[in-house]
Amino acid sequence: MKLFRFSLILLSILWIASSCKTTSKLVKNDKQASIIEYLKYNNEWNGPRISVHRGGGEIENYPENCIESFQHVSKSFPVLVECDVEITKDNVLLMMHDASLDRTTSGSGQILSKTWNEIKDEKLKDNFGNQTDFKIPLLSETLNWARCKVILTLDLKKNTPFASVISEVEKQKSENDVVIITYNANQAKEVYELNPNLMISVGIMTMADYERLNKLGIPDKNMIAFIGTREPKKELIDFLHSKGILTLLGTLGNLDKKALNSSNNLYQQWSQMGVDIFATDYPFEVYEALR
């Protein structure tokens, strides 16, 4: 009997490990030993080309910052999922872009003025005003879901401390499943000092931006470069590639509109310039354009 039970446990462990490996190959393209190695630029890099802004809010019946939306997009093709982290009055970390509940949930009021218990049963609404049965996910739930599925790029909102989010990432052992978004060199330095094994999204629109990060001691290997929301500059892309740094272009907003209304395949043109990843509100359209 003991041998039978042991065999069942062993088979379960092997199945879980096998399942995780298979999912990783599908979505993370057989992620290497660490995210720092995996997201390093080289001529043969073939990781996810699309970062889904807020996890897919421009898809009807799939709200932004919602695990069900993340699942809907990521099951179709490899993606990064950009999502937002807010904090409640009682310091619970949850996934939400706005400081208030009004636009994207059935509730109302400022998140920072409410406890998690007060808002946990609110339903999420999509960007077209449709209320769904989906609930607000916790950061911990999102990290658990993402394991062996996708890489999350976490955008911390104004009141959300880097230390709190990184502590939760470490608690969940999710360092290899996240990129932390920063908006200036000092924030990048703070993240790096809190955990030097994390991948950091840094804004590099000019050479001066890179030099500022370099002087603060941020290693090239920890950087993925957000190169802005305007037409990309090939010379900057080439420079970043020479440092082993992947580039991410924010097509969300004006560039997406320009590309979708153009008879030319602008996504292909930007890709040929060297853009590695596209941050977009329209993941399915970009995927088709890049095929």
C-alpha atoms as a PDB file:
ATOM      1  CA  MET A   1       0.000   0.000   0.000  1.00  0.00           C
ATOM      2  CA  LYS A   2       2.806   2.409   0.934  1.00  0.00           C
ATOM      3  CA  LEU A   3       4.565   1.599  -2.336  1.00  0.00           C
ATOM      4  CA  PHE A   4       1.337   2.295  -4.264  1.00  0.00           C
ATOM      5  CA  ARG A   5       0.851   5.667  -2.530  1.00  0.00           C
ATOM      6  CA  PHE A   6       4.476   6.596  -3.163  1.00  0.00           C
ATOM      7  CA  SER A   7       4.072   5.706  -6.847  1.00  0.00           C
ATOM      8  CA  LEU A   8       0.991   7.931  -7.128  1.00  0.00           C
ATOM      9  CA  ILE A   9       2.807  10.849  -5.511  1.00  0.00           C
ATOM     10  CA  LEU A  10       5.809  10.375  -7.782  1.00  0.00           C
ATOM     11  CA  LEU A  11       3.592  10.242 -10.882  1.00  0.00           C
ATOM     12  CA  SER A  12       1.815  13.431  -9.777  1.00  0.00           C
ATOM     13  CA  ILE A  13       5.110  15.257  -9.336  1.00  0.00           C
ATOM     14  CA  LEU A  14       6.351  14.104 -12.732  1.00  0.00           C
ATOM     15  CA  TRP A  15       3.083  15.143 -14.381  1.00  0.00           C
ATOM     16  CA  ILE A  16       3.211  18.621 -12.858  1.00  0.00           C
ATOM     17  CA  ALA A  17       6.836  19.069 -13.890  1.00  0.00           C
ATOM     18  CA  SER A  18       6.083  17.841 -17.402  1.00  0.00           C
ATOM     19  CA  SER A  19       3.039  20.100 -17.704  1.00  0.00           C
ATOM     20  CA  CYS A  20       5.017  23.136 -16.555  1.00  0.00           C
ATOM     21  CA  LYS A  21       7.782  22.399 -19.047  1.00  0.00           C
ATOM     22  CA  THR A  22       5.313  22.033 -21.919  1.00  0.00           C
ATOM     23  CA  THR A  23       3.563  25.305 -21.109  1.00  0.00           C
ATOM     24  CA  SER A  24       6.898  27.065 -20.834  1.00  0.00           C
ATOM     25  CA  LYS A  25       7.883  25.906 -24.309  1.00  0.00           C
ATOM     26  CA  LEU A  26       4.609  27.188 -25.735  1.00  0.00           C
ATOM     27  CA  VAL A  27       4.550  30.598 -24.128  1.00  0.00           C
ATOM     28  CA  LYS A  28       8.031  31.378 -22.850  1.00  0.00           C
ATOM     29  CA  ASN A  29       9.883  29.591 -25.620  1.00  0.00           C
ATOM     30  CA  ASP A  30      11.739  27.257 -23.279  1.00  0.00           C
ATOM     31  CA  LYS A  31      12.815  29.910 -20.772  1.00  0.00           C
ATOM     32  CA  GLN A  32      16.429  29.548 -19.702  1.00  0.00           C
ATOM     33  CA  ALA A  33      17.831  29.268 -16.191  1.00  0.00           C
ATOM     34  CA  SER A  34      16.858  32.850 -15.295  1.00  0.00           C
ATOM     35  CA  ILE A  35      14.751  35.629 -16.712  1.00  0.00           C
ATOM     36  CA  ILE A  36      17.914  37.724 -17.058  1.00  0.00           C
ATOM     37  CA  GLU A  37      19.317  35.153 -19.471  1.00  0.00           C
ATOM     38  CA  TYR A  38      16.008  34.675 -21.248  1.00  0.00           C
ATOM     39  CA  LEU A  39      15.392  38.385 -21.913  1.00  0.00           C
ATOM     40  CA  LYS A  40      18.898  39.121 -23.157  1.00  0.00           C
ATOM     41  CA  TYR A  41      19.092  40.276 -26.766  1.00  0.00           C
ATOM     42  CA  ASN A  42      20.967  38.218 -29.313  1.00  0.00           C
ATOM     43  CA  ASN A  43      20.550  37.676 -33.048  1.00  0.00           C
ATOM     44  CA  GLU A  44      18.671  34.437 -32.462  1.00  0.00           C
ATOM     45  CA  TRP A  45      16.310  35.671 -29.726  1.00  0.00           C
ATOM     46  CA  ASN A  46      12.805  34.371 -30.431  1.00  0.00           C
ATOM     47  CA  GLY A  47      10.822  35.215 -27.318  1.00  0.00           C
ATOM     48  CA  PRO A  48       7.354  36.805 -27.166  1.00  0.00           C
ATOM     49  CA  ARG A  49       7.000  39.751 -29.571  1.00  0.00           C
ATOM     50  CA  ILE A  50       3.868  41.208 -27.974  1.00  0.00           C
ATOM     51  CA  SER A  51       3.294  42.844 -24.587  1.00  0.00           C
ATOM     52  CA  VAL A  52      -0.433  43.100 -23.920  1.00  0.00           C
ATOM     53  CA  HIS A  53      -1.217  46.511 -22.401  1.00  0.00           C
ATOM     54  CA  ARG A  54      -3.221  46.058 -19.182  1.00  0.00           C
ATOM     55  CA  GLY A  55      -3.619  42.426 -20.133  1.00  0.00           C
ATOM     56  CA  GLY A  56      -6.120  42.936 -22.948  1.00  0.00           C
ATOM     57  CA  GLY A  57      -8.729  45.548 -22.005  1.00  0.00           C
ATOM     58  CA  GLU A  58      -9.685  46.406 -25.601  1.00  0.00           C
ATOM     59  CA  ILE A  59     -11.266  42.963 -26.075  1.00  0.00           C
ATOM     60  CA  GLU A  60     -15.024  42.874 -25.498  1.00  0.00           C
ATOM     61  CA  ASN A  61     -16.112  40.913 -22.404  1.00  0.00           C
ATOM     62  CA  TYR A  62     -12.502  40.647 -21.240  1.00  0.00           C
ATOM     63  CA  PRO A  63     -11.685  43.402 -18.720  1.00  0.00           C
ATOM     64  CA  GLU A  64      -8.243  44.852 -18.215  1.00  0.00           C
ATOM     65  CA  ASN A  65      -6.144  43.552 -15.300  1.00  0.00           C
ATOM     66  CA  CYS A  66      -8.147  40.335 -15.161  1.00  0.00           C
ATOM     67  CA  ILE A  67      -6.710  36.814 -15.000  1.00  0.00           C
ATOM     68  CA  GLU A  68      -9.397  35.494 -17.352  1.00  0.00           C
ATOM     69  CA  SER A  69      -8.318  38.102 -19.917  1.00  0.00           C
ATOM     70  CA  PHE A  70      -4.657  37.165 -19.480  1.00  0.00           C
ATOM     71  CA  GLN A  71      -5.595  33.543 -20.094  1.00  0.00           C
ATOM     72  CA  HIS A  72      -7.687  34.400 -23.167  1.00  0.00           C
ATOM     73  CA  VAL A  73      -4.799  36.143 -24.908  1.00  0.00           C
ATOM     74  CA  SER A  74      -1.899  33.973 -23.761  1.00  0.00           C
ATOM     75  CA  LYS A  75      -3.479  30.702 -24.860  1.00  0.00           C
ATOM     76  CA  SER A  76      -3.442  31.958 -28.465  1.00  0.00           C
ATOM     77  CA  PHE A  77       0.228  32.938 -28.868  1.00  0.00           C
ATOM     78  CA  PRO A  78       3.290  33.855 -26.755  1.00  0.00           C
ATOM     79  CA  VAL A  79       2.924  37.187 -24.957  1.00  0.00           C
ATOM     80  CA  LEU A  80       4.151  39.292 -22.115  1.00  0.00           C
ATOM     81  CA  VAL A  81       1.289  40.550 -19.952  1.00  0.00           C
ATOM     82  CA  GLU A  82       1.606  44.154 -18.789  1.00  0.00           C
ATOM     83  CA  CYS A  83      -0.581  44.689 -15.729  1.00  0.00           C
ATOM     84  CA  ASP A  84      -1.014  47.188 -12.919  1.00  0.00           C
ATOM     85  CA  VAL A  85      -0.650  46.881  -9.158  1.00  0.00           C
ATOM     86  CA  GLU A  86      -2.645  48.976  -6.683  1.00  0.00           C
ATOM     87  CA  ILE A  87      -2.790  48.807  -2.891  1.00  0.00           C
ATOM     88  CA  THR A  88      -5.728  48.947  -0.481  1.00  0.00           C
ATOM     89  CA  LYS A  89      -6.147  50.736   2.835  1.00  0.00           C
ATOM     90  CA  ASP A  90      -5.077  47.555   4.646  1.00  0.00           C
ATOM     91  CA  ASN A  91      -2.015  47.069   2.383  1.00  0.00           C
ATOM     92  CA  VAL A  92      -3.413  44.312   0.168  1.00  0.00           C
ATOM     93  CA  LEU A  93      -1.883  44.281  -3.327  1.00  0.00           C
ATOM     94  CA  LEU A  94      -4.351  43.854  -6.178  1.00  0.00           C
ATOM     95  CA  MET A  95      -4.478  44.262  -9.941  1.00  0.00           C
ATOM     96  CA  MET A  96      -5.990  47.606 -10.983  1.00  0.00           C
ATOM     97  CA  HIS A  97      -4.935  50.531 -13.163  1.00  0.00           C
ATOM     98  CA  ASP A  98      -7.056  53.340 -11.748  1.00  0.00           C
ATOM     99  CA  ALA A  99      -6.881  54.760  -8.242  1.00  0.00           C
ATOM    100  CA  SER A 100     -10.667  54.398  -8.042  1.00  0.00           C
ATOM    101  CA  LEU A 101     -13.061  51.524  -8.624  1.00  0.00           C
ATOM    102  CA  ASP A 102     -15.525  53.508 -10.737  1.00  0.00           C
ATOM    103  CA  ARG A 103     -14.412  52.862 -14.330  1.00  0.00           C
ATOM    104  CA  THR A 104     -13.510  49.174 -14.286  1.00  0.00           C
ATOM    105  CA  THR A 105     -15.658  47.627 -11.540  1.00  0.00           C
ATOM    106  CA  SER A 106     -19.206  47.505 -10.212  1.00  0.00           C
ATOM    107  CA  GLY A 107     -18.023  49.471  -7.185  1.00  0.00           C
ATOM    108  CA  SER A 108     -17.048  53.068  -6.536  1.00  0.00           C
ATOM    109  CA  GLY A 109     -14.602  55.067  -4.470  1.00  0.00           C
ATOM    110  CA  GLN A 110     -10.867  55.272  -3.988  1.00  0.00           C
ATOM    111  CA  ILE A 111      -9.037  51.980  -3.546  1.00  0.00           C
ATOM    112  CA  LEU A 112      -6.689  53.454  -0.958  1.00  0.00           C
ATOM    113  CA  SER A 113      -9.673  54.356   1.241  1.00  0.00           C
ATOM    114  CA  LYS A 114     -11.078  50.817   1.269  1.00  0.00           C
ATOM    115  CA  THR A 115     -10.049  47.481   2.744  1.00  0.00           C
ATOM    116  CA  TRP A 116      -9.746  44.372   0.612  1.00  0.00           C
ATOM    117  CA  ASN A 117     -12.773  42.886   2.363  1.00  0.00           C
ATOM    118  CA  GLU A 118     -14.865  45.863   1.228  1.00  0.00           C
ATOM    119  CA  ILE A 119     -14.062  45.447  -2.472  1.00  0.00           C
ATOM    120  CA  LYS A 120     -13.224  41.777  -3.009  1.00  0.00           C
ATOM    121  CA  ASP A 121     -16.715  40.883  -4.298  1.00  0.00           C
ATOM    122  CA  GLU A 122     -16.967  43.688  -6.874  1.00  0.00           C
ATOM    123  CA  LYS A 123     -17.308  42.574 -10.494  1.00  0.00           C
ATOM    124  CA  LEU A 124     -15.008  43.772 -13.259  1.00  0.00           C
ATOM    125  CA  LYS A 125     -16.290  45.723 -16.280  1.00  0.00           C
ATOM    126  CA  ASP A 126     -14.688  45.700 -19.716  1.00  0.00           C
ATOM    127  CA  ASN A 127     -13.693  48.863 -21.572  1.00  0.00           C
ATOM    128  CA  PHE A 128     -17.042  48.860 -23.373  1.00  0.00           C
ATOM    129  CA  GLY A 129     -19.039  49.114 -20.148  1.00  0.00           C
ATOM    130  CA  ASN A 130     -20.093  45.467 -19.947  1.00  0.00           C
ATOM    131  CA  GLN A 131     -20.113  44.022 -16.432  1.00  0.00           C
ATOM    132  CA  THR A 132     -18.686  40.509 -16.219  1.00  0.00           C
ATOM    133  CA  ASP A 133     -18.661  37.791 -13.570  1.00  0.00           C
ATOM    134  CA  PHE A 134     -14.903  38.216 -13.115  1.00  0.00           C
ATOM    135  CA  LYS A 135     -13.538  39.558  -9.836  1.00  0.00           C
ATOM    136  CA  ILE A 136     -10.549  41.744  -8.976  1.00  0.00           C
ATOM    137  CA  PRO A 137      -7.465  39.506  -8.732  1.00  0.00           C
ATOM    138  CA  LEU A 138      -4.870  39.780  -6.007  1.00  0.00           C
ATOM    139  CA  LEU A 139      -1.216  40.136  -6.972  1.00  0.00           C
ATOM    140  CA  SER A 140      -0.517  36.827  -5.233  1.00  0.00           C
ATOM    141  CA  GLU A 141      -3.190  35.071  -7.322  1.00  0.00           C
ATOM    142  CA  THR A 142      -1.834  36.627 -10.497  1.00  0.00           C
ATOM    143  CA  LEU A 143       1.718  35.525  -9.736  1.00  0.00           C
ATOM    144  CA  ASN A 144       0.526  31.987  -9.048  1.00  0.00           C
ATOM    145  CA  TRP A 145      -1.431  31.921 -12.304  1.00  0.00           C
ATOM    146  CA  ALA A 146       1.489  33.249 -14.370  1.00  0.00           C
ATOM    147  CA  ARG A 147       3.960  30.588 -13.261  1.00  0.00           C
ATOM    148  CA  CYS A 148       4.935  28.486 -16.307  1.00  0.00           C
ATOM    149  CA  LYS A 149       2.547  30.497 -18.496  1.00  0.00           C
ATOM    150  CA  VAL A 150       3.658  34.068 -19.141  1.00  0.00           C
ATOM    151  CA  ILE A 151       6.001  36.788 -17.980  1.00  0.00           C
ATOM    152  CA  LEU A 152       4.198  39.624 -16.210  1.00  0.00           C
ATOM    153  CA  THR A 153       5.445  43.182 -16.566  1.00  0.00           C
ATOM    154  CA  LEU A 154       4.269  44.853 -13.374  1.00  0.00           C
ATOM    155  CA  ASP A 155       3.377  48.547 -13.453  1.00  0.00           C
ATOM    156  CA  LEU A 156       3.179  49.848  -9.896  1.00  0.00           C
ATOM    157  CA  LYS A 157       0.717  52.678  -9.395  1.00  0.00           C
ATOM    158  CA  LYS A 158       1.517  55.873  -7.480  1.00  0.00           C
ATOM    159  CA  ASN A 159       0.787  54.622  -3.952  1.00  0.00           C
ATOM    160  CA  THR A 160       2.218  51.129  -4.388  1.00  0.00           C
ATOM    161  CA  PRO A 161       5.696  50.655  -2.864  1.00  0.00           C
ATOM    162  CA  PHE A 162       8.317  48.741  -4.841  1.00  0.00           C
ATOM    163  CA  ALA A 163       9.397  47.033  -1.618  1.00  0.00           C
ATOM    164  CA  SER A 164       5.920  45.600  -0.999  1.00  0.00           C
ATOM    165  CA  VAL A 165       5.555  44.214  -4.515  1.00  0.00           C
ATOM    166  CA  ILE A 166       9.060  42.767  -4.624  1.00  0.00           C
ATOM    167  CA  SER A 167       8.504  41.164  -1.227  1.00  0.00           C
ATOM    168  CA  GLU A 168       5.409  39.416  -2.612  1.00  0.00           C
ATOM    169  CA  VAL A 169       7.303  38.362  -5.749  1.00  0.00           C
ATOM    170  CA  GLU A 170      10.009  36.842  -3.558  1.00  0.00           C
ATOM    171  CA  LYS A 171       7.441  35.169  -1.305  1.00  0.00           C
ATOM    172  CA  GLN A 172       5.843  33.515  -4.341  1.00  0.00           C
ATOM    173  CA  LYS A 173       9.283  32.658  -5.790  1.00  0.00           C
ATOM    174  CA  SER A 174       8.244  34.484  -8.964  1.00  0.00           C
ATOM    175  CA  GLU A 175      11.462  36.361  -9.767  1.00  0.00           C
ATOM    176  CA  ASN A 176      11.709  34.506 -13.095  1.00  0.00           C
ATOM    177  CA  ASP A 177       8.138  35.374 -14.033  1.00  0.00           C
ATOM    178  CA  VAL A 178       8.138  39.170 -13.727  1.00  0.00           C
ATOM    179  CA  VAL A 179       9.622  42.365 -15.085  1.00  0.00           C
ATOM    180  CA  ILE A 180       9.315  45.445 -12.866  1.00  0.00           C
ATOM    181  CA  ILE A 181       8.429  48.650 -14.746  1.00  0.00           C
ATOM    182  CA  THR A 182      10.201  51.845 -13.698  1.00  0.00           C
ATOM    183  CA  TYR A 183       9.790  55.432 -14.905  1.00  0.00           C
ATOM    184  CA  ASN A 184      13.119  56.995 -14.017  1.00  0.00           C
ATOM    185  CA  ALA A 185      16.677  56.010 -13.189  1.00  0.00           C
ATOM    186  CA  ASN A 186      16.238  56.411  -9.431  1.00  0.00           C
ATOM    187  CA  GLN A 187      13.328  53.978  -9.429  1.00  0.00           C
ATOM    188  CA  ALA A 188      15.406  51.497 -11.419  1.00  0.00           C
ATOM    189  CA  LYS A 189      18.202  51.852  -8.857  1.00  0.00           C
ATOM    190  CA  GLU A 190      15.745  51.215  -6.020  1.00  0.00           C
ATOM    191  CA  VAL A 191      14.443  48.041  -7.667  1.00  0.00           C
ATOM    192  CA  TYR A 192      17.942  46.771  -8.426  1.00  0.00           C
ATOM    193  CA  GLU A 193      19.077  47.362  -4.848  1.00  0.00           C
ATOM    194  CA  LEU A 194      16.003  45.574  -3.474  1.00  0.00           C
ATOM    195  CA  ASN A 195      16.690  42.515  -5.635  1.00  0.00           C
ATOM    196  CA  PRO A 196      19.545  42.373  -8.179  1.00  0.00           C
ATOM    197  CA  ASN A 197      18.078  39.235  -9.773  1.00  0.00           C
ATOM    198  CA  LEU A 198      15.042  41.034 -11.162  1.00  0.00           C
ATOM    199  CA  MET A 199      14.553  42.193 -14.731  1.00  0.00           C
ATOM    200  CA  ILE A 200      13.758  45.912 -14.916  1.00  0.00           C
ATOM    201  CA  SER A 201      11.895  47.800 -17.634  1.00  0.00           C
ATOM    202  CA  VAL A 202      13.667  51.146 -18.026  1.00  0.00           C
ATOM    203  CA  GLY A 203      12.819  54.126 -20.209  1.00  0.00           C
ATOM    204  CA  ILE A 204      15.592  54.736 -22.744  1.00  0.00           C
ATOM    205  CA  MET A 205      14.602  57.252 -25.396  1.00  0.00           C
ATOM    206  CA  THR A 206      18.058  58.815 -25.739  1.00  0.00           C
ATOM    207  CA  MET A 207      21.693  57.913 -25.149  1.00  0.00           C
ATOM    208  CA  ALA A 208      21.608  60.212 -22.105  1.00  0.00           C
ATOM    209  CA  ASP A 209      18.924  58.003 -20.553  1.00  0.00           C
ATOM    210  CA  TYR A 210      21.186  54.970 -20.909  1.00  0.00           C
ATOM    211  CA  GLU A 211      24.199  56.816 -19.485  1.00  0.00           C
ATOM    212  CA  ARG A 212      22.186  57.898 -16.451  1.00  0.00           C
ATOM    213  CA  LEU A 213      21.212  54.304 -15.686  1.00  0.00           C
ATOM    214  CA  ASN A 214      24.744  53.098 -16.296  1.00  0.00           C
ATOM    215  CA  LYS A 215      26.215  55.649 -13.879  1.00  0.00           C
ATOM    216  CA  LEU A 216      23.798  54.509 -11.170  1.00  0.00           C
ATOM    217  CA  GLY A 217      25.142  50.983 -11.498  1.00  0.00           C
ATOM    218  CA  ILE A 218      22.243  49.275 -13.269  1.00  0.00           C
ATOM    219  CA  PRO A 219      23.816  46.404 -15.252  1.00  0.00           C
ATOM    220  CA  ASP A 220      22.873  46.049 -18.915  1.00  0.00           C
ATOM    221  CA  LYS A 221      21.803  42.463 -18.240  1.00  0.00           C
ATOM    222  CA  ASN A 222      19.025  43.639 -15.907  1.00  0.00           C
ATOM    223  CA  MET A 223      17.511  46.049 -18.438  1.00  0.00           C
ATOM    224  CA  ILE A 224      14.777  45.781 -21.009  1.00  0.00           C
ATOM    225  CA  ALA A 225      14.470  49.144 -22.764  1.00  0.00           C
ATOM    226  CA  PHE A 226      11.142  50.881 -23.267  1.00  0.00           C
ATOM    227  CA  ILE A 227      11.995  53.159 -26.199  1.00  0.00           C
ATOM    228  CA  GLY A 228       8.861  55.305 -26.095  1.00  0.00           C
ATOM    229  CA  THR A 229       5.570  55.717 -27.913  1.00  0.00           C
ATOM    230  CA  ARG A 230       6.844  57.513 -31.014  1.00  0.00           C
ATOM    231  CA  GLU A 231       8.458  56.298 -34.228  1.00  0.00           C
ATOM    232  CA  PRO A 232      11.561  54.282 -33.223  1.00  0.00           C
ATOM    233  CA  LYS A 233      15.120  55.399 -33.971  1.00  0.00           C
ATOM    234  CA  LYS A 234      17.234  52.694 -35.557  1.00  0.00           C
ATOM    235  CA  GLU A 235      20.527  54.059 -34.248  1.00  0.00           C
ATOM    236  CA  LEU A 236      19.243  53.826 -30.657  1.00  0.00           C
ATOM    237  CA  ILE A 237      17.938  50.303 -31.225  1.00  0.00           C
ATOM    238  CA  ASP A 238      21.260  49.204 -32.717  1.00  0.00           C
ATOM    239  CA  PHE A 239      23.144  50.671 -29.759  1.00  0.00           C
ATOM    240  CA  LEU A 240      20.926  48.898 -27.224  1.00  0.00           C
ATOM    241  CA  HIS A 241      21.269  45.629 -29.108  1.00  0.00           C
ATOM    242  CA  SER A 242      25.054  46.018 -28.973  1.00  0.00           C
ATOM    243  CA  LYS A 243      24.672  46.040 -25.180  1.00  0.00           C
ATOM    244  CA  GLY A 244      22.498  42.914 -25.208  1.00  0.00           C
ATOM    245  CA  ILE A 245      19.375  44.921 -24.309  1.00  0.00           C
ATOM    246  CA  LEU A 246      15.972  44.080 -25.800  1.00  0.00           C
ATOM    247  CA  THR A 247      13.818  46.963 -27.047  1.00  0.00           C
ATOM    248  CA  LEU A 248      10.121  47.460 -26.396  1.00  0.00           C
ATOM    249  CA  LEU A 249       8.121  49.984 -28.445  1.00  0.00           C
ATOM    250  CA  GLY A 250       4.889  51.374 -27.004  1.00  0.00           C
ATOM    251  CA  THR A 251       2.543  51.288 -29.978  1.00  0.00           C
ATOM    252  CA  LEU A 252      -0.428  51.643 -27.622  1.00  0.00           C
ATOM    253  CA  GLY A 253      -2.339  54.781 -28.514  1.00  0.00           C
ATOM    254  CA  ASN A 254      -1.183  56.784 -31.532  1.00  0.00           C
ATOM    255  CA  LEU A 255       1.135  54.239 -33.169  1.00  0.00           C
ATOM    256  CA  ASP A 256      -1.476  51.472 -32.953  1.00  0.00           C
ATOM    257  CA  LYS A 257      -4.052  53.777 -34.557  1.00  0.00           C
ATOM    258  CA  LYS A 258      -1.598  54.799 -37.262  1.00  0.00           C
ATOM    259  CA  ALA A 259      -0.645  51.204 -38.006  1.00  0.00           C
ATOM    260  CA  LEU A 260      -4.195  49.860 -38.020  1.00  0.00           C
ATOM    261  CA  ASN A 261      -5.374  52.649 -40.354  1.00  0.00           C
ATOM    262  CA  SER A 262      -2.454  52.278 -42.759  1.00  0.00           C
ATOM    263  CA  SER A 263      -2.364  50.146 -45.886  1.00  0.00           C
ATOM    264  CA  ASN A 264       1.308  49.451 -45.129  1.00  0.00           C
ATOM    265  CA  ASN A 265       2.367  46.898 -42.537  1.00  0.00           C
ATOM    266  CA  LEU A 266       3.985  49.344 -40.122  1.00  0.00           C
ATOM    267  CA  TYR A 267       4.477  46.662 -37.469  1.00  0.00           C
ATOM    268  CA  GLN A 268       6.641  44.725 -39.936  1.00  0.00           C
ATOM    269  CA  GLN A 269       8.573  47.895 -40.784  1.00  0.00           C
ATOM    270  CA  TRP A 270       9.258  48.623 -37.118  1.00  0.00           C
ATOM    271  CA  SER A 271      10.229  45.001 -36.595  1.00  0.00           C
ATOM    272  CA  GLN A 272      12.713  45.230 -39.460  1.00  0.00           C
ATOM    273  CA  MET A 273      14.192  48.315 -37.769  1.00  0.00           C
ATOM    274  CA  GLY A 274      14.960  46.082 -34.803  1.00  0.00           C
ATOM    275  CA  VAL A 275      12.022  46.499 -32.421  1.00  0.00           C
ATOM    276  CA  ASP A 276      11.873  43.299 -30.380  1.00  0.00           C
ATOM    277  CA  ILE A 277       8.590  43.664 -28.481  1.00  0.00           C
ATOM    278  CA  PHE A 278       5.437  45.682 -29.169  1.00  0.00           C
ATOM    279  CA  ALA A 279       3.382  46.991 -26.231  1.00  0.00           C
ATOM    280  CA  THR A 280      -0.119  47.180 -27.668  1.00  0.00           C
ATOM    281  CA  ASP A 281      -3.830  47.355 -26.936  1.00  0.00           C
ATOM    282  CA  TYR A 282      -4.481  45.143 -29.974  1.00  0.00           C
ATOM    283  CA  PRO A 283      -2.503  41.906 -29.494  1.00  0.00           C
ATOM    284  CA  PHE A 284      -4.398  39.803 -32.032  1.00  0.00           C
ATOM    285  CA  GLU A 285      -4.001  42.384 -34.804  1.00  0.00           C
ATOM    286  CA  VAL A 286      -0.290  42.840 -34.087  1.00  0.00           C
ATOM    287  CA  TYR A 287       0.250  39.086 -34.014  1.00  0.00           C
ATOM    288  CA  GLU A 288      -1.318  38.737 -37.455  1.00  0.00           C
ATOM    289  CA  ALA A 289       0.742  41.650 -38.791  1.00  0.00           C
ATOM    290  CA  LEU A 290       4.003  40.102 -37.579  1.00  0.00           C
ATOM    291  CA  ARG A 291       3.329  36.595 -38.918  1.00  0.00           C
END
